[in-house]
Each structure stands twice: as structure tokens, then as C-alpha cells.
């Protein structure tokens, strides 16, 4: 599932590709591209918004209207200058919604927790200290901390030397600090490399991100740990594949 770095990469690229373009089928212009957690926000000049959630396999692509149809193309928005905004989704879990005004947008976003890359340390510490659930599950709970999914949770926990099964409220202040810094680092690296294209994710211009070339533990089951060379183990926590080093993350 595209996470904060992937959606932020999409936001940045769309900003240069479609801001100022008219959506011909709606008769409105695109004024700004925003993001909240894993949601992409397209601001319109009628004070409305188009909101996209890519879920597991969604893609947002900008093509010329003469380009061949893309795989799993579900929604096509014709733009000025002979362009198209295409929403593609193999699994059909993703969605696009038209939101009429800011009040309606605020209602949609109200349950999201603070952004993982801008939450204060004190707030982060409080969130972890009030839950007995495994720390990995808390990191991925969008109502607690928004933007982190499976890829970056795995890598951040490895970087912080924390076992993903550890109850969140049992982390010491030092480990909490290490995890806070680790989350910021992996999200920054994810954005730097344009997100992770290990499966369906593509950038709007159709190119792949490169963070998958820099995974720390995610998807590396059976491969040597980058620190101690012990084999990475895969387990399941909360129904999600979880990767960790049994030596470094005791």
C-alpha cells in the first residue's frame, strides 16, 4: 500500500504536472495538490476537492490523451492541454471522492492522527505510552499516527533495534527516542528515493520509485541482517507480514 513517502512523491510530481490545468469534464481548474497522511488532495477553483486513497494497488498517472490505455484504468479525467489524469487500481479497493467544501473535507480527515513526519516527540511518546498493543500495530494505526504503513514500520523498528512485538507502553524513553528518530529517517529516505515500487506503485509519470533498493528488513526474509548478518525472519503481526532481525531486535 502506498504510504506517506509514496503519496508525497505523487503530490510533488502532480504539482509540477497538473496545477493550473482544467478538468474538462467538471469545468473546474486545479489550484493546488495536497496530502494528508496517505490521502492525496486535489484542490479545485470551485472550493471543492478531489480526494484519492490508493489503498493496496492504486496508481495516479498523468498521460497524453493519445497514449494507450493503462492497465487497470478505472477513472479517466480529461485535462486541458491534451492530458489525462488516470486512476488505475488492480484490486479495486482504492477510491476517489468529490468533496464539496472545507467543512466536508475536515469531517473526512478528523479521525486521522498526527503526521508521522511532523508529530512532536512528546505527543509521540504519549501515543505509545497509552497502548499495550504491539508497537508495530500502533505505528500503523492511522488514528494514532498517520502515514506509516508496513514497509516503513518494519524498517524503522529495525533501525531503532526494537522487536515489533514489544508492547508499545513498555518501551523505555531511550527506545522511544530511537524509534522517533528512526521513523523520521526512513520516511525521509522514502521520499528521497521516490517511494517503494516493490509491487504496484508508480509515480505519476509512470516511472518507478527506488526505495525498494534500500529496504533495511522489509521483504528480506532469509537474507542476512545488514548489521549482524543473522538471517532476517518473517512473522505475522496483526495479519501483516513482519520482518525483523532476531539478534538485533531482541
C-alpha atoms as a PDB file:
ATOM      1  CA  UNK A   1       0.000   0.000   0.000  1.00  0.00           C
ATOM      2  CA  UNK A   2       1.403   3.440  -0.856  1.00  0.00           C
ATOM      3  CA  UNK A   3       2.457   5.130   2.379  1.00  0.00           C
ATOM      4  CA  UNK A   4       3.414   8.691   3.252  1.00  0.00           C
ATOM      5  CA  UNK A   5       6.586   8.794   1.090  1.00  0.00           C
ATOM      6  CA  UNK A   6       4.782   7.378  -1.956  1.00  0.00           C
ATOM      7  CA  UNK A   7       1.826   9.751  -1.672  1.00  0.00           C
ATOM      8  CA  UNK A   8       4.137  12.699  -1.002  1.00  0.00           C
ATOM      9  CA  UNK A   9       6.108  11.780  -4.135  1.00  0.00           C
ATOM     10  CA  UNK A  10       2.867  11.696  -6.106  1.00  0.00           C
ATOM     11  CA  UNK A  11       1.840  15.059  -4.654  1.00  0.00           C
ATOM     12  CA  UNK A  12       5.137  16.700  -5.581  1.00  0.00           C
ATOM     13  CA  UNK A  13       5.098  15.390  -9.132  1.00  0.00           C
ATOM     14  CA  UNK A  14       1.442  16.254  -9.736  1.00  0.00           C
ATOM     15  CA  UNK A  15       2.163  19.782  -8.541  1.00  0.00           C
ATOM     16  CA  UNK A  16       4.506  20.266 -11.478  1.00  0.00           C
ATOM     17  CA  UNK A  17       2.333  18.398 -13.991  1.00  0.00           C
ATOM     18  CA  UNK A  18      -1.297  19.434 -13.494  1.00  0.00           C
ATOM     19  CA  UNK A  19      -1.655  22.553 -11.307  1.00  0.00           C
ATOM     20  CA  UNK A  20      -3.413  25.173 -13.436  1.00  0.00           C
ATOM     21  CA  UNK A  21      -4.945  22.567 -15.738  1.00  0.00           C
ATOM     22  CA  UNK A  22      -8.706  22.421 -16.250  1.00  0.00           C
ATOM     23  CA  UNK A  23     -10.645  19.213 -15.620  1.00  0.00           C
ATOM     24  CA  UNK A  24     -12.720  19.395 -18.776  1.00  0.00           C
ATOM     25  CA  UNK A  25     -15.492  17.041 -17.635  1.00  0.00           C
ATOM     26  CA  UNK A  26     -16.078  19.135 -14.493  1.00  0.00           C
ATOM     27  CA  UNK A  27     -15.361  22.620 -15.786  1.00  0.00           C
ATOM     28  CA  UNK A  28     -13.011  23.427 -12.906  1.00  0.00           C
ATOM     29  CA  UNK A  29      -9.310  24.237 -12.601  1.00  0.00           C
ATOM     30  CA  UNK A  30      -6.783  22.541 -10.350  1.00  0.00           C
ATOM     31  CA  UNK A  31      -5.261  25.111  -7.994  1.00  0.00           C
ATOM     32  CA  UNK A  32      -3.135  23.040  -5.628  1.00  0.00           C
ATOM     33  CA  UNK A  33      -2.087  19.489  -4.736  1.00  0.00           C
ATOM     34  CA  UNK A  34      -2.083  18.476  -1.073  1.00  0.00           C
ATOM     35  CA  UNK A  35      -1.638  15.412   1.069  1.00  0.00           C
ATOM     36  CA  UNK A  36      -2.908  14.290   4.466  1.00  0.00           C
ATOM     37  CA  UNK A  37      -1.424  11.022   5.712  1.00  0.00           C
ATOM     38  CA  UNK A  38      -1.966   8.542   2.844  1.00  0.00           C
ATOM     39  CA  UNK A  39      -4.673  10.655   1.177  1.00  0.00           C
ATOM     40  CA  UNK A  40      -3.997  12.766  -1.919  1.00  0.00           C
ATOM     41  CA  UNK A  41      -5.942  16.037  -2.132  1.00  0.00           C
ATOM     42  CA  UNK A  42      -6.571  17.940  -5.370  1.00  0.00           C
ATOM     43  CA  UNK A  43      -7.806  21.484  -4.690  1.00  0.00           C
ATOM     44  CA  UNK A  44     -10.289  22.939  -7.201  1.00  0.00           C
ATOM     45  CA  UNK A  45     -11.157  26.535  -8.018  1.00  0.00           C
ATOM     46  CA  UNK A  46     -14.827  25.980  -7.044  1.00  0.00           C
ATOM     47  CA  UNK A  47     -13.647  25.448  -3.421  1.00  0.00           C
ATOM     48  CA  UNK A  48     -14.131  21.707  -3.762  1.00  0.00           C
ATOM     49  CA  UNK A  49     -11.635  18.854  -3.634  1.00  0.00           C
ATOM     50  CA  UNK A  50     -10.935  15.529  -5.251  1.00  0.00           C
ATOM     51  CA  UNK A  51      -9.647  13.097  -2.639  1.00  0.00           C
ATOM     52  CA  UNK A  52      -7.888   9.853  -3.567  1.00  0.00           C
ATOM     53  CA  UNK A  53      -6.992   6.882  -1.399  1.00  0.00           C
ATOM     54  CA  UNK A  54      -4.779   4.441  -3.287  1.00  0.00           C
ATOM     55  CA  UNK A  55      -5.288   1.562  -0.814  1.00  0.00           C
ATOM     56  CA  UNK A  56      -3.304  -1.534  -1.872  1.00  0.00           C
ATOM     57  CA  UNK A  57      -2.742  -1.182  -5.603  1.00  0.00           C
ATOM     58  CA  UNK A  58      -3.856   2.281  -6.716  1.00  0.00           C
ATOM     59  CA  UNK A  59      -1.914   4.420  -9.180  1.00  0.00           C
ATOM     60  CA  UNK A  60      -2.421   8.007 -10.292  1.00  0.00           C
ATOM     61  CA  UNK A  61      -0.908   8.636 -13.699  1.00  0.00           C
ATOM     62  CA  UNK A  62      -0.715  11.665 -15.986  1.00  0.00           C
ATOM     63  CA  UNK A  63      -0.806  10.734 -19.667  1.00  0.00           C
ATOM     64  CA  UNK A  64      -1.433  12.330 -23.021  1.00  0.00           C
ATOM     65  CA  UNK A  65      -4.955  11.565 -24.164  1.00  0.00           C
ATOM     66  CA  UNK A  66      -3.471   9.825 -27.210  1.00  0.00           C
ATOM     67  CA  UNK A  67      -1.473   7.385 -25.042  1.00  0.00           C
ATOM     68  CA  UNK A  68      -2.602   3.736 -24.899  1.00  0.00           C
ATOM     69  CA  UNK A  69      -4.909   2.789 -22.060  1.00  0.00           C
ATOM     70  CA  UNK A  70      -3.100   1.820 -18.853  1.00  0.00           C
ATOM     71  CA  UNK A  71      -3.529  -1.474 -17.031  1.00  0.00           C
ATOM     72  CA  UNK A  72      -6.451  -1.477 -14.592  1.00  0.00           C
ATOM     73  CA  UNK A  73      -7.574   2.011 -15.639  1.00  0.00           C
ATOM     74  CA  UNK A  74     -10.752   2.783 -13.657  1.00  0.00           C
ATOM     75  CA  UNK A  75     -11.267   6.565 -13.774  1.00  0.00           C
ATOM     76  CA  UNK A  76     -10.174   8.966 -16.502  1.00  0.00           C
ATOM     77  CA  UNK A  77     -10.301  12.743 -16.028  1.00  0.00           C
ATOM     78  CA  UNK A  78      -9.640  14.683 -19.256  1.00  0.00           C
ATOM     79  CA  UNK A  79      -7.468  17.736 -18.680  1.00  0.00           C
ATOM     80  CA  UNK A  80      -6.597  20.777 -20.750  1.00  0.00           C
ATOM     81  CA  UNK A  81      -3.501  20.642 -22.974  1.00  0.00           C
ATOM     82  CA  UNK A  82      -4.469  17.157 -24.236  1.00  0.00           C
ATOM     83  CA  UNK A  83      -3.654  15.461 -20.926  1.00  0.00           C
ATOM     84  CA  UNK A  84      -5.493  12.893 -18.824  1.00  0.00           C
ATOM     85  CA  UNK A  85      -5.398  12.106 -15.121  1.00  0.00           C
ATOM     86  CA  UNK A  86      -5.860   8.353 -14.799  1.00  0.00           C
ATOM     87  CA  UNK A  87      -6.716   6.414 -11.662  1.00  0.00           C
ATOM     88  CA  UNK A  88      -5.724   2.768 -12.028  1.00  0.00           C
ATOM     89  CA  UNK A  89      -6.334   0.056  -9.451  1.00  0.00           C
ATOM     90  CA  UNK A  90      -5.812  -3.679  -9.895  1.00  0.00           C
ATOM     91  CA  UNK A  91      -7.653  -4.698  -6.713  1.00  0.00           C
ATOM     92  CA  UNK A  92     -10.390  -2.020  -6.878  1.00  0.00           C
ATOM     93  CA  UNK A  93     -10.022  -1.135  -3.176  1.00  0.00           C
ATOM     94  CA  UNK A  94      -8.926   2.440  -3.846  1.00  0.00           C
ATOM     95  CA  UNK A  95     -11.339   5.318  -4.253  1.00  0.00           C
ATOM     96  CA  UNK A  96     -11.842   8.886  -5.449  1.00  0.00           C
ATOM     97  CA  UNK A  97     -14.347  11.234  -3.825  1.00  0.00           C
ATOM     98  CA  UNK A  98     -15.542  14.717  -4.725  1.00  0.00           C
ATOM     99  CA  UNK A  99     -15.697  16.828  -1.572  1.00  0.00           C
ATOM    100  CA  UNK A 100     -17.829  19.971  -1.822  1.00  0.00           C
ATOM    101  CA  UNK A 101     -16.168  22.229   0.748  1.00  0.00           C
ATOM    102  CA  UNK A 102     -13.624  22.506   3.553  1.00  0.00           C
ATOM    103  CA  UNK A 103     -16.136  21.540   6.228  1.00  0.00           C
ATOM    104  CA  UNK A 104     -16.816  18.265   4.454  1.00  0.00           C
ATOM    105  CA  UNK A 105     -13.075  17.716   3.999  1.00  0.00           C
ATOM    106  CA  UNK A 106     -12.377  18.363   7.675  1.00  0.00           C
ATOM    107  CA  UNK A 107     -15.011  15.785   8.597  1.00  0.00           C
ATOM    108  CA  UNK A 108     -13.331  13.219   6.347  1.00  0.00           C
ATOM    109  CA  UNK A 109      -9.911  13.883   7.884  1.00  0.00           C
ATOM    110  CA  UNK A 110     -10.902  14.321  11.531  1.00  0.00           C
ATOM    111  CA  UNK A 111     -10.091  10.757  12.641  1.00  0.00           C
ATOM    112  CA  UNK A 112      -6.527  10.815  11.321  1.00  0.00           C
ATOM    113  CA  UNK A 113      -3.753  11.057  13.871  1.00  0.00           C
ATOM    114  CA  UNK A 114      -0.843  13.488  13.660  1.00  0.00           C
ATOM    115  CA  UNK A 115       1.514  13.127  10.709  1.00  0.00           C
ATOM    116  CA  UNK A 116       4.352  10.699  11.386  1.00  0.00           C
ATOM    117  CA  UNK A 117       6.966  13.085   9.990  1.00  0.00           C
ATOM    118  CA  UNK A 118       5.805  16.139  11.940  1.00  0.00           C
ATOM    119  CA  UNK A 119       4.426  14.823  15.251  1.00  0.00           C
ATOM    120  CA  UNK A 120       6.268  16.175  18.297  1.00  0.00           C
ATOM    121  CA  UNK A 121       8.328  13.777  20.393  1.00  0.00           C
ATOM    122  CA  UNK A 122       6.165  14.410  23.463  1.00  0.00           C
ATOM    123  CA  UNK A 123       2.992  13.582  21.560  1.00  0.00           C
ATOM    124  CA  UNK A 124       4.632  10.519  20.011  1.00  0.00           C
ATOM    125  CA  UNK A 125       5.747   9.328  23.450  1.00  0.00           C
ATOM    126  CA  UNK A 126       2.235   9.822  24.843  1.00  0.00           C
ATOM    127  CA  UNK A 127       0.660   7.841  21.981  1.00  0.00           C
ATOM    128  CA  UNK A 128       2.948   4.862  22.611  1.00  0.00           C
ATOM    129  CA  UNK A 129       2.656   5.010  26.395  1.00  0.00           C
ATOM    130  CA  UNK A 130      -1.128   4.658  26.337  1.00  0.00           C
ATOM    131  CA  UNK A 131      -1.282   1.394  24.352  1.00  0.00           C
ATOM    132  CA  UNK A 132      -0.448  -2.191  25.316  1.00  0.00           C
ATOM    133  CA  UNK A 133      -0.663  -3.364  21.716  1.00  0.00           C
ATOM    134  CA  UNK A 134       2.486  -4.426  19.834  1.00  0.00           C
ATOM    135  CA  UNK A 135       4.416  -1.317  18.857  1.00  0.00           C
ATOM    136  CA  UNK A 136       4.251  -2.198  15.153  1.00  0.00           C
ATOM    137  CA  UNK A 137       0.450  -2.212  15.241  1.00  0.00           C
ATOM    138  CA  UNK A 138       0.372   1.165  16.990  1.00  0.00           C
ATOM    139  CA  UNK A 139       2.708   2.674  14.381  1.00  0.00           C
ATOM    140  CA  UNK A 140       0.347   1.524  11.616  1.00  0.00           C
ATOM    141  CA  UNK A 141      -2.857   2.705  13.322  1.00  0.00           C
ATOM    142  CA  UNK A 142      -3.804   5.748  11.248  1.00  0.00           C
ATOM    143  CA  UNK A 143      -5.970   7.146  14.047  1.00  0.00           C
ATOM    144  CA  UNK A 144      -2.913   7.215  16.324  1.00  0.00           C
ATOM    145  CA  UNK A 145      -0.091   8.209  13.947  1.00  0.00           C
ATOM    146  CA  UNK A 146      -0.853   8.771  10.282  1.00  0.00           C
ATOM    147  CA  UNK A 147       1.196   7.945   7.221  1.00  0.00           C
ATOM    148  CA  UNK A 148       3.220   4.905   8.311  1.00  0.00           C
ATOM    149  CA  UNK A 149       2.390   1.533   6.787  1.00  0.00           C
ATOM    150  CA  UNK A 150       4.022  -1.864   6.696  1.00  0.00           C
ATOM    151  CA  UNK A 151       7.205  -1.030   4.796  1.00  0.00           C
ATOM    152  CA  UNK A 152       8.364   1.929   6.872  1.00  0.00           C
ATOM    153  CA  UNK A 153       7.190   0.470  10.196  1.00  0.00           C
ATOM    154  CA  UNK A 154       9.366  -2.612   9.630  1.00  0.00           C
ATOM    155  CA  UNK A 155      12.420  -0.612   8.629  1.00  0.00           C
ATOM    156  CA  UNK A 156      12.048   1.946  11.431  1.00  0.00           C
ATOM    157  CA  UNK A 157      11.768  -0.753  14.105  1.00  0.00           C
ATOM    158  CA  UNK A 158      14.910  -2.448  12.804  1.00  0.00           C
ATOM    159  CA  UNK A 159      16.791   0.841  12.771  1.00  0.00           C
ATOM    160  CA  UNK A 160      15.660   1.521  16.345  1.00  0.00           C
ATOM    161  CA  UNK A 161      16.614  -2.033  17.479  1.00  0.00           C
ATOM    162  CA  UNK A 162      13.073  -2.771  18.727  1.00  0.00           C
ATOM    163  CA  UNK A 163      11.268  -6.099  18.469  1.00  0.00           C
ATOM    164  CA  UNK A 164       7.995  -5.395  16.609  1.00  0.00           C
ATOM    165  CA  UNK A 165       6.022  -7.496  19.127  1.00  0.00           C
ATOM    166  CA  UNK A 166       7.054  -5.329  22.094  1.00  0.00           C
ATOM    167  CA  UNK A 167       4.031  -3.698  23.803  1.00  0.00           C
ATOM    168  CA  UNK A 168       4.196  -0.009  22.961  1.00  0.00           C
ATOM    169  CA  UNK A 169       3.864   1.102  26.581  1.00  0.00           C
ATOM    170  CA  UNK A 170       6.871  -0.987  27.624  1.00  0.00           C
ATOM    171  CA  UNK A 171       9.389   0.968  25.561  1.00  0.00           C
ATOM    172  CA  UNK A 172      11.952   2.882  27.565  1.00  0.00           C
ATOM    173  CA  UNK A 173      12.446   6.582  26.973  1.00  0.00           C
ATOM    174  CA  UNK A 174      15.665   5.776  25.105  1.00  0.00           C
ATOM    175  CA  UNK A 175      13.988   3.257  22.794  1.00  0.00           C
ATOM    176  CA  UNK A 176      11.087   5.633  22.208  1.00  0.00           C
ATOM    177  CA  UNK A 177      13.587   8.306  21.225  1.00  0.00           C
ATOM    178  CA  UNK A 178      15.404   5.892  18.912  1.00  0.00           C
ATOM    179  CA  UNK A 179      12.123   4.922  17.264  1.00  0.00           C
ATOM    180  CA  UNK A 180      11.066   8.550  16.836  1.00  0.00           C
ATOM    181  CA  UNK A 181      14.342   9.335  15.056  1.00  0.00           C
ATOM    182  CA  UNK A 182      14.168   6.118  13.016  1.00  0.00           C
ATOM    183  CA  UNK A 183      10.693   6.923  11.687  1.00  0.00           C
ATOM    184  CA  UNK A 184      11.826  10.356  10.571  1.00  0.00           C
ATOM    185  CA  UNK A 185      14.845   8.839   8.826  1.00  0.00           C
ATOM    186  CA  UNK A 186      13.041   6.081   6.914  1.00  0.00           C
ATOM    187  CA  UNK A 187      10.272   8.453   5.806  1.00  0.00           C
ATOM    188  CA  UNK A 188      12.870  10.999   4.662  1.00  0.00           C
ATOM    189  CA  UNK A 189      14.729   8.281   2.770  1.00  0.00           C
ATOM    190  CA  UNK A 190      11.478   7.013   1.272  1.00  0.00           C
ATOM    191  CA  UNK A 191      10.744  10.479  -0.105  1.00  0.00           C
ATOM    192  CA  UNK A 192      14.351  10.902  -1.259  1.00  0.00           C
ATOM    193  CA  UNK A 193      14.127   7.724  -3.356  1.00  0.00           C
ATOM    194  CA  UNK A 194      10.653   8.463  -4.716  1.00  0.00           C
ATOM    195  CA  UNK A 195       8.862   5.753  -2.733  1.00  0.00           C
ATOM    196  CA  UNK A 196       8.988   1.975  -2.977  1.00  0.00           C
ATOM    197  CA  UNK A 197       7.950   0.249  -6.219  1.00  0.00           C
ATOM    198  CA  UNK A 198       8.282  -3.290  -4.926  1.00  0.00           C
ATOM    199  CA  UNK A 199       4.783  -4.080  -6.214  1.00  0.00           C
ATOM    200  CA  UNK A 200       2.186  -1.832  -7.922  1.00  0.00           C
ATOM    201  CA  UNK A 201       3.245   1.696  -7.031  1.00  0.00           C
ATOM    202  CA  UNK A 202       4.353   4.040  -9.829  1.00  0.00           C
ATOM    203  CA  UNK A 203       4.955   7.771  -9.886  1.00  0.00           C
ATOM    204  CA  UNK A 204       2.507   9.889 -11.955  1.00  0.00           C
ATOM    205  CA  UNK A 205       4.917   9.971 -14.911  1.00  0.00           C
ATOM    206  CA  UNK A 206       4.904   6.158 -14.955  1.00  0.00           C
ATOM    207  CA  UNK A 207       8.410   5.698 -13.546  1.00  0.00           C
ATOM    208  CA  UNK A 208       9.263   3.545 -10.544  1.00  0.00           C
ATOM    209  CA  UNK A 209      10.412   4.657  -7.123  1.00  0.00           C
ATOM    210  CA  UNK A 210      13.710   3.261  -5.831  1.00  0.00           C
ATOM    211  CA  UNK A 211      13.321   2.831  -2.076  1.00  0.00           C
ATOM    212  CA  UNK A 212      12.898  -0.933  -2.620  1.00  0.00           C
ATOM    213  CA  UNK A 213      16.610  -0.965  -3.432  1.00  0.00           C
ATOM    214  CA  UNK A 214      17.277   0.326   0.081  1.00  0.00           C
ATOM    215  CA  UNK A 215      14.970  -1.824   2.248  1.00  0.00           C
ATOM    216  CA  UNK A 216      16.507  -2.440   5.674  1.00  0.00           C
ATOM    217  CA  UNK A 217      14.446  -5.515   6.622  1.00  0.00           C
ATOM    218  CA  UNK A 218      11.123  -5.294   4.783  1.00  0.00           C
ATOM    219  CA  UNK A 219      10.754  -8.118   2.252  1.00  0.00           C
ATOM    220  CA  UNK A 220      14.199  -9.519   3.136  1.00  0.00           C
ATOM    221  CA  UNK A 221      13.168 -12.772   4.852  1.00  0.00           C
ATOM    222  CA  UNK A 222      16.072 -15.258   4.823  1.00  0.00           C
ATOM    223  CA  UNK A 223      18.587 -12.616   3.793  1.00  0.00           C
ATOM    224  CA  UNK A 224      21.424 -11.525   6.125  1.00  0.00           C
ATOM    225  CA  UNK A 225      20.827  -8.632   8.509  1.00  0.00           C
ATOM    226  CA  UNK A 226      22.702  -5.541   7.334  1.00  0.00           C
ATOM    227  CA  UNK A 227      24.266  -5.216  10.794  1.00  0.00           C
ATOM    228  CA  UNK A 228      24.946  -8.680  12.223  1.00  0.00           C
ATOM    229  CA  UNK A 229      24.468 -10.987   9.180  1.00  0.00           C
ATOM    230  CA  UNK A 230      21.947 -13.212  11.042  1.00  0.00           C
ATOM    231  CA  UNK A 231      19.054 -14.152   8.740  1.00  0.00           C
ATOM    232  CA  UNK A 232      16.005 -11.885   8.711  1.00  0.00           C
ATOM    233  CA  UNK A 233      12.844 -13.623   9.945  1.00  0.00           C
ATOM    234  CA  UNK A 234       9.283 -13.151   8.746  1.00  0.00           C
ATOM    235  CA  UNK A 235       6.373 -13.415  11.197  1.00  0.00           C
ATOM    236  CA  UNK A 236       2.778 -12.188  11.131  1.00  0.00           C
ATOM    237  CA  UNK A 237       1.555  -9.439  13.457  1.00  0.00           C
ATOM    238  CA  UNK A 238      -1.960  -8.113  13.116  1.00  0.00           C
ATOM    239  CA  UNK A 239      -2.382 -10.008   9.871  1.00  0.00           C
ATOM    240  CA  UNK A 240       0.583  -8.306   8.214  1.00  0.00           C
ATOM    241  CA  UNK A 241       3.915  -9.771   7.215  1.00  0.00           C
ATOM    242  CA  UNK A 242       6.542  -8.509   9.632  1.00  0.00           C
ATOM    243  CA  UNK A 243      10.303  -8.672   9.108  1.00  0.00           C
ATOM    244  CA  UNK A 244      12.915  -8.365  11.835  1.00  0.00           C
ATOM    245  CA  UNK A 245      16.356  -9.483  12.947  1.00  0.00           C
ATOM    246  CA  UNK A 246      16.111 -11.887  15.919  1.00  0.00           C
ATOM    247  CA  UNK A 247      19.591 -10.825  17.047  1.00  0.00           C
ATOM    248  CA  UNK A 248      19.417  -7.041  16.711  1.00  0.00           C
ATOM    249  CA  UNK A 249      15.753  -6.735  17.726  1.00  0.00           C
ATOM    250  CA  UNK A 250      15.520  -8.918  20.837  1.00  0.00           C
END
